[in-house]
């Protein structure tokens, strides 16, 4: 995928504030501090398109980005951070379910889990919702650089057992080394129905 343009469109919390559903969308979801913002920035080759924060749980909005004027990427609010106020935590479920169940332009969700952690109840709940709404899922294991290669498969085994998904469903990703970037783009392009660009990303 050659990203020629990547622009922030708007933030929203409910359908009447969403951008018009005129282009196909792929959303990104995962627990707070799993690396969603970093993944999107690496994919589009823009260091600061999506703001990253040292305070997990700060982003509590749906953030929409226009890519090449042909499709959108949507950064969904993170979940599972203990310091987020209870009222905000309660808003997360309805906000995400409303988006997942009522967005006709949504073609797939990239579901991120941290290689260093076993998926928790909220991770599994999100997978259940994606299955319920029959939304294609692109599972990604982030922070691959944080675990030595000798320990990776042991960590992956715990993720597979928790989610019940096969090994080949997941793509390993590192924002530092960019491992997995091309494979994730291939899966996104397939979900969007776009022809794969064999030239790859130009830096």
Protein backbone atom coordinates (compact mmCIF):
# COMPACT_ATOMS: atom_id res chain seq x y z
CA UNK A 1 0.00 0.00 0.00
CA UNK A 2 1.37 3.39 -1.01
CA UNK A 3 -0.10 6.02 1.31
CA UNK A 4 -0.15 9.28 -0.60
CA UNK A 5 -2.31 11.18 1.86
CA UNK A 6 -3.45 10.60 5.44
CA UNK A 7 -5.61 13.18 7.14
CA UNK A 8 -7.48 13.38 10.43
CA UNK A 9 -11.19 13.91 9.72
CA UNK A 10 -12.91 14.20 13.09
CA UNK A 11 -13.61 12.63 16.48
CA UNK A 12 -17.02 11.37 17.52
CA UNK A 13 -18.84 9.48 20.25
CA UNK A 14 -22.20 8.76 18.61
CA UNK A 15 -23.62 8.10 15.12
CA UNK A 16 -24.96 11.60 14.49
CA UNK A 17 -21.39 12.89 14.80
CA UNK A 18 -19.75 10.25 12.60
CA UNK A 19 -18.49 11.34 9.18
CA UNK A 20 -20.76 10.28 6.30
CA UNK A 21 -20.40 6.55 5.57
CA UNK A 22 -19.22 7.22 2.02
CA UNK A 23 -15.95 5.26 2.04
CA UNK A 24 -15.11 1.77 3.33
CA UNK A 25 -13.60 1.70 6.82
CA UNK A 26 -11.29 -0.46 8.87
CA UNK A 27 -11.29 0.10 12.62
CA UNK A 28 -8.59 -0.61 15.21
CA UNK A 29 -9.51 -1.89 18.67
CA UNK A 30 -7.70 -3.14 21.75
CA UNK A 31 -6.97 -2.47 25.38
CA UNK A 32 -5.35 0.78 26.46
CA UNK A 33 -1.59 0.91 25.84
CA UNK A 34 -1.69 -1.99 23.36
CA UNK A 35 -0.17 0.22 20.66
CA UNK A 36 -3.10 1.15 18.40
CA UNK A 37 -1.86 4.66 17.69
CA UNK A 38 1.67 3.46 17.00
CA UNK A 39 0.39 0.77 14.62
CA UNK A 40 -1.68 3.23 12.62
CA UNK A 41 1.21 5.71 12.44
CA UNK A 42 3.53 2.98 11.13
CA UNK A 43 0.98 1.78 8.60
CA UNK A 44 0.48 5.23 7.09
CA UNK A 45 4.14 6.23 7.55
CA UNK A 46 3.19 9.40 9.43
CA UNK A 47 4.93 9.77 12.77
CA UNK A 48 2.34 12.01 14.38
CA UNK A 49 -0.94 11.38 12.55
CA UNK A 50 -2.41 9.62 15.57
CA UNK A 51 -1.42 11.07 18.90
CA UNK A 52 0.20 8.62 21.26
CA UNK A 53 -0.03 9.22 24.98
CA UNK A 54 2.02 8.11 27.96
CA UNK A 55 -1.26 7.97 29.87
CA UNK A 56 -3.22 4.87 28.78
CA UNK A 57 -6.96 5.33 28.51
CA UNK A 58 -6.82 9.00 27.59
CA UNK A 59 -8.41 8.53 24.16
CA UNK A 60 -12.12 7.99 24.72
CA UNK A 61 -13.35 9.01 21.28
CA UNK A 62 -13.69 7.37 17.88
CA UNK A 63 -11.11 9.06 15.66
CA UNK A 64 -11.61 8.95 11.89
CA UNK A 65 -8.79 9.27 9.33
CA UNK A 66 -9.05 9.65 5.55
CA UNK A 67 -6.44 7.59 3.66
CA UNK A 68 -5.75 8.46 0.00
CA UNK A 69 -9.28 9.79 -0.30
CA UNK A 70 -10.45 6.21 -0.87
CA UNK A 71 -10.95 4.60 2.54
CA UNK A 72 -10.92 5.41 6.26
CA UNK A 73 -9.10 4.09 9.31
CA UNK A 74 -10.86 4.47 12.65
CA UNK A 75 -9.05 4.46 16.00
CA UNK A 76 -11.52 3.14 18.58
CA UNK A 77 -11.26 4.00 22.29
CA UNK A 78 -9.03 1.71 24.33
CA UNK A 79 -10.39 -0.31 27.22
CA UNK A 80 -9.24 -1.90 30.44
CA UNK A 81 -7.20 0.88 32.05
CA UNK A 82 -7.78 0.98 35.81
CA UNK A 83 -7.44 4.75 36.25
CA UNK A 84 -10.19 5.63 33.79
CA UNK A 85 -13.26 6.88 35.72
CA UNK A 86 -16.01 4.31 36.16
CA UNK A 87 -18.49 6.46 34.25
CA UNK A 88 -16.15 6.50 31.25
CA UNK A 89 -15.67 2.73 31.46
CA UNK A 90 -19.44 2.24 31.35
CA UNK A 91 -19.67 4.38 28.21
CA UNK A 92 -17.14 2.29 26.32
CA UNK A 93 -19.30 -0.80 25.74
CA UNK A 94 -22.39 0.99 24.37
CA UNK A 95 -20.22 3.34 22.28
CA UNK A 96 -18.36 0.45 20.62
CA UNK A 97 -21.42 -1.75 20.16
CA UNK A 98 -23.30 1.13 18.55
CA UNK A 99 -20.45 1.68 16.11
CA UNK A 100 -19.90 -2.01 15.33
CA UNK A 101 -23.58 -2.77 14.89
CA UNK A 102 -24.64 0.29 12.94
CA UNK A 103 -21.79 1.39 10.67
CA UNK A 104 -22.55 0.15 7.15
CA UNK A 105 -19.15 1.19 5.79
CA UNK A 106 -17.20 -0.92 8.31
CA UNK A 107 -15.40 -3.72 6.48
CA UNK A 108 -13.11 -5.14 9.18
CA UNK A 109 -11.67 -4.58 12.64
CA UNK A 110 -7.99 -4.94 13.45
CA UNK A 111 -8.03 -6.43 16.95
CA UNK A 112 -4.79 -5.84 18.84
CA UNK A 113 -3.47 -7.88 21.75
CA UNK A 114 -0.15 -7.44 23.57
CA UNK A 115 2.35 -10.29 23.15
CA UNK A 116 3.33 -9.94 26.81
CA UNK A 117 -0.21 -10.43 28.16
CA UNK A 118 -2.89 -13.10 28.00
CA UNK A 119 -6.14 -11.65 26.56
CA UNK A 120 -8.50 -10.58 29.32
CA UNK A 121 -12.29 -10.61 29.64
CA UNK A 122 -12.69 -7.38 27.67
CA UNK A 123 -10.53 -8.68 24.82
CA UNK A 124 -12.68 -11.79 24.58
CA UNK A 125 -15.87 -9.75 24.85
CA UNK A 126 -14.78 -7.68 21.87
CA UNK A 127 -14.13 -10.86 19.87
CA UNK A 128 -17.63 -12.05 20.78
CA UNK A 129 -19.13 -8.77 19.53
CA UNK A 130 -17.23 -9.00 16.26
CA UNK A 131 -18.55 -12.53 15.78
CA UNK A 132 -22.08 -11.43 16.74
CA UNK A 133 -22.06 -8.65 14.14
CA UNK A 134 -20.26 -10.86 11.60
CA UNK A 135 -17.46 -8.35 11.15
CA UNK A 136 -14.25 -9.71 9.59
CA UNK A 137 -11.45 -9.58 12.14
CA UNK A 138 -7.72 -9.03 11.58
CA UNK A 139 -6.01 -10.21 14.80
CA UNK A 140 -2.63 -8.60 15.48
CA UNK A 141 -0.17 -9.34 18.28
CA UNK A 142 1.70 -6.15 19.10
CA UNK A 143 5.00 -5.31 20.83
CA UNK A 144 6.82 -8.26 19.31
CA UNK A 145 10.13 -6.51 19.99
CA UNK A 146 9.44 -6.59 23.75
CA UNK A 147 9.78 -10.39 23.96
CA UNK A 148 12.91 -12.37 22.99
CA UNK A 149 12.36 -14.64 19.98
CA UNK A 150 13.10 -17.66 22.16
CA UNK A 151 10.04 -16.86 24.30
CA UNK A 152 7.64 -15.72 21.60
CA UNK A 153 5.94 -19.03 20.88
CA UNK A 154 5.27 -19.64 24.57
CA UNK A 155 3.58 -16.24 24.82
CA UNK A 156 1.66 -16.82 21.61
CA UNK A 157 0.43 -20.19 22.89
CA UNK A 158 -1.32 -18.47 25.81
CA UNK A 159 -3.03 -16.05 23.42
CA UNK A 160 -4.20 -18.87 21.16
CA UNK A 161 -5.60 -20.83 24.10
CA UNK A 162 -7.48 -17.79 25.43
CA UNK A 163 -8.98 -16.71 22.12
CA UNK A 164 -9.49 -20.09 20.48
CA UNK A 165 -8.07 -18.70 17.24
CA UNK A 166 -5.52 -20.53 15.07
CA UNK A 167 -1.88 -19.44 14.89
CA UNK A 168 -2.12 -18.30 11.27
CA UNK A 169 -4.96 -15.90 12.14
CA UNK A 170 -2.49 -13.61 13.91
CA UNK A 171 0.14 -11.25 12.58
CA UNK A 172 3.07 -10.34 14.82
CA UNK A 173 3.81 -6.61 14.79
CA UNK A 174 6.48 -4.28 16.14
CA UNK A 175 6.28 -0.50 15.85
CA UNK A 176 10.05 -0.39 16.38
CA UNK A 177 11.18 -2.86 13.71
CA UNK A 178 8.02 -2.61 11.54
CA UNK A 179 7.78 -6.38 11.55
CA UNK A 180 4.37 -7.44 10.27
CA UNK A 181 3.52 -4.12 8.62
CA UNK A 182 3.25 -5.44 5.06
CA UNK A 183 1.21 -8.46 6.10
CA UNK A 184 -1.27 -6.26 7.99
CA UNK A 185 -1.65 -4.04 4.92
CA UNK A 186 -2.31 -7.11 2.78
CA UNK A 187 -5.10 -8.17 5.11
CA UNK A 188 -6.56 -4.67 5.22
CA UNK A 189 -6.47 -4.40 1.43
CA UNK A 190 -8.23 -7.75 1.14
CA UNK A 191 -10.93 -6.64 3.59
CA UNK A 192 -11.43 -3.39 1.68
CA UNK A 193 -11.49 -5.15 -1.67
CA UNK A 194 -8.51 -3.13 -2.88
CA UNK A 195 -5.96 -4.49 -5.31
CA UNK A 196 -2.68 -5.11 -3.52
CA UNK A 197 0.07 -2.65 -4.42
CA UNK A 198 3.21 -4.64 -5.09
CA UNK A 199 5.45 -1.61 -4.91
CA UNK A 200 5.01 -1.37 -1.15
CA UNK A 201 5.25 1.78 0.95
CA UNK A 202 7.68 4.46 -0.11
CA UNK A 203 9.35 6.19 2.78
